[in-house]
Amino acid sequence: MPRPYSTDLRERVVRAYLDGRGTYREVGEQFNVGEATVDRWVSRFRRLAKFEPDAMGGDRNGKFDEQSEALLRALIEATPDIRRDELVVALRDQAGLEVSPSAVQRAIERLGLTRKKRLSTRRNATPNA
């Protein structure tokens, strides 16, 4: 994943624009960044009065808190072969939690839980020729 531009570069670009050293395009050409980038950085500085980029990535825990994780654990312990789509419905009905099957899977993995798979049926006998 690419890294954000340095805070030093951001500050120099914004200061150049605010000091009247050119338009977005001209300042961008001076510092080898795009016109839209200059626009975003200047707008961000005016709005937040800071040059630092926001943290990259995101919270993968999403909507699950301790209470909903405890409910998820209880549901799996009560019914080990429950499917993810059934867990989604149960979480919505019992906790009002709207999550996707993939969010449920990530929570299951994060909690270190395993679900018991149903026993497979016996193989069909192959007739001898």
Protein backbone atom coordinates (compact mmCIF):
# COMPACT_ATOMS: atom_id res chain seq x y z
CA MET A 1 0.00 0.00 0.00
CA PRO A 2 1.44 3.40 -0.90
CA ARG A 3 2.40 5.74 1.88
CA PRO A 4 0.99 9.27 2.22
CA TYR A 5 3.10 12.23 1.18
CA SER A 6 5.29 13.63 3.97
CA THR A 7 3.95 16.30 6.29
CA ASP A 8 6.89 18.52 5.29
CA LEU A 9 5.93 18.42 1.60
CA ARG A 10 2.28 19.05 2.41
CA GLU A 11 3.21 22.07 4.50
CA ARG A 12 5.52 23.52 1.82
CA VAL A 13 2.83 23.12 -0.86
CA VAL A 14 0.08 24.70 1.23
CA ARG A 15 2.32 27.57 2.35
CA ALA A 16 3.36 28.24 -1.27
CA TYR A 17 -0.26 28.44 -2.38
CA LEU A 18 -1.34 30.60 0.57
CA ASP A 19 1.65 32.91 0.00
CA GLY A 20 0.33 33.52 -3.53
CA ARG A 21 3.09 31.76 -5.45
CA GLY A 22 0.64 30.50 -8.06
CA THR A 23 -2.57 28.67 -8.81
CA TYR A 24 -3.21 25.09 -7.76
CA ARG A 25 -1.79 23.94 -11.08
CA GLU A 26 1.33 26.14 -10.87
CA VAL A 27 2.09 25.18 -7.26
CA GLY A 28 1.49 21.52 -8.13
CA GLU A 29 3.99 21.74 -10.98
CA GLN A 30 6.57 23.38 -8.69
CA PHE A 31 6.34 20.51 -6.22
CA ASN A 32 5.57 17.72 -8.69
CA VAL A 33 2.11 16.92 -7.30
CA GLY A 34 -1.26 17.08 -8.96
CA GLU A 35 -3.56 20.07 -9.05
CA ALA A 36 -6.29 18.15 -7.20
CA THR A 37 -3.77 17.19 -4.52
CA VAL A 38 -2.93 20.83 -3.89
CA ASP A 39 -6.64 21.61 -3.73
CA ARG A 40 -7.27 18.83 -1.19
CA TRP A 41 -4.32 19.82 1.01
CA VAL A 42 -5.23 23.52 1.02
CA SER A 43 -8.89 22.74 1.73
CA ARG A 44 -7.89 20.36 4.52
CA PHE A 45 -5.61 22.97 6.06
CA ARG A 46 -8.36 25.60 5.94
CA ARG A 47 -10.87 23.19 7.45
CA LEU A 48 -8.72 21.48 10.10
CA ALA A 49 -5.66 23.74 10.44
CA LYS A 50 -3.31 20.76 10.15
CA PHE A 51 -0.97 19.30 7.58
CA GLU A 52 -0.70 15.71 8.84
CA PRO A 53 -2.49 13.01 6.85
CA ASP A 54 -5.18 10.89 8.47
CA ALA A 55 -4.28 7.40 9.54
CA MET A 56 -4.48 4.88 6.72
CA GLY A 57 -6.49 1.71 6.90
CA GLY A 58 -9.51 1.24 9.05
CA ASP A 59 -11.08 -0.48 11.98
CA ARG A 60 -11.77 -4.04 10.88
CA ASN A 61 -13.76 -4.76 14.04
CA GLY A 62 -16.64 -2.72 12.67
CA LYS A 63 -19.86 -2.98 14.61
CA PHE A 64 -18.86 -5.77 16.98
CA ASP A 65 -18.39 -4.73 20.60
CA GLU A 66 -17.90 -6.92 23.69
CA GLN A 67 -21.62 -7.53 24.10
CA SER A 68 -22.21 -8.57 20.48
CA GLU A 69 -19.07 -10.73 20.51
CA ALA A 70 -20.39 -12.46 23.65
CA LEU A 71 -23.70 -13.07 21.88
CA LEU A 72 -21.88 -14.45 18.84
CA ARG A 73 -19.88 -16.79 21.06
CA ALA A 74 -23.05 -17.95 22.82
CA LEU A 75 -24.85 -18.58 19.53
CA ILE A 76 -21.99 -20.71 18.22
CA GLU A 77 -21.66 -22.65 21.48
CA ALA A 78 -25.41 -23.34 21.54
CA THR A 79 -25.52 -24.41 17.88
CA PRO A 80 -22.04 -25.41 16.67
CA ASP A 81 -23.16 -26.11 13.10
CA ILE A 82 -24.96 -22.78 12.60
CA ARG A 83 -24.28 -21.13 9.25
CA ARG A 84 -23.00 -17.58 8.81
CA ASP A 85 -26.22 -16.37 7.21
CA GLU A 86 -28.14 -17.79 10.17
CA LEU A 87 -25.78 -15.95 12.52
CA VAL A 88 -26.45 -12.71 10.63
CA VAL A 89 -30.21 -13.15 11.15
CA ALA A 90 -29.80 -14.12 14.81
CA LEU A 91 -27.57 -11.12 15.54
CA ARG A 92 -30.07 -8.82 13.84
CA ASP A 93 -33.05 -10.31 15.71
CA GLN A 94 -31.45 -10.59 19.14
CA ALA A 95 -29.16 -7.55 19.23
CA GLY A 96 -30.39 -5.31 16.41
CA LEU A 97 -26.92 -5.63 14.86
CA GLU A 98 -26.84 -5.24 11.06
CA VAL A 99 -23.72 -7.04 9.81
CA SER A 100 -22.70 -8.95 6.72
CA PRO A 101 -21.74 -12.62 6.60
CA SER A 102 -18.11 -11.62 5.95
CA ALA A 103 -18.12 -9.39 9.07
CA VAL A 104 -19.43 -12.35 11.07
CA GLN A 105 -16.64 -14.54 9.65
CA ARG A 106 -13.98 -11.98 10.60
CA ALA A 107 -15.40 -11.78 14.12
CA ILE A 108 -15.41 -15.59 14.42
CA GLU A 109 -11.76 -15.72 13.34
CA ARG A 110 -10.80 -12.83 15.62
CA LEU A 111 -12.40 -14.61 18.59
CA GLY A 112 -10.61 -17.85 17.71
CA LEU A 113 -13.88 -19.74 17.44
CA THR A 114 -14.47 -22.75 15.28
CA ARG A 115 -17.76 -24.09 14.08
CA LYS A 116 -18.47 -27.78 14.02
CA LYS A 117 -19.14 -28.96 10.54
CA ARG A 118 -21.87 -31.50 10.00
CA LEU A 119 -20.68 -35.02 9.55
CA SER A 120 -20.44 -35.96 5.95
CA THR A 121 -22.57 -38.79 4.67
CA ARG A 122 -21.08 -42.13 3.86
CA ARG A 123 -19.61 -42.49 0.41
CA ASN A 124 -21.62 -44.30 -2.15
CA ALA A 125 -20.36 -47.79 -2.76
CA THR A 126 -18.73 -48.14 -6.14
CA PRO A 127 -19.84 -51.30 -7.88
CA ASN A 128 -17.03 -53.57 -8.95
CA ALA A 129 -17.02 -54.03 -12.67
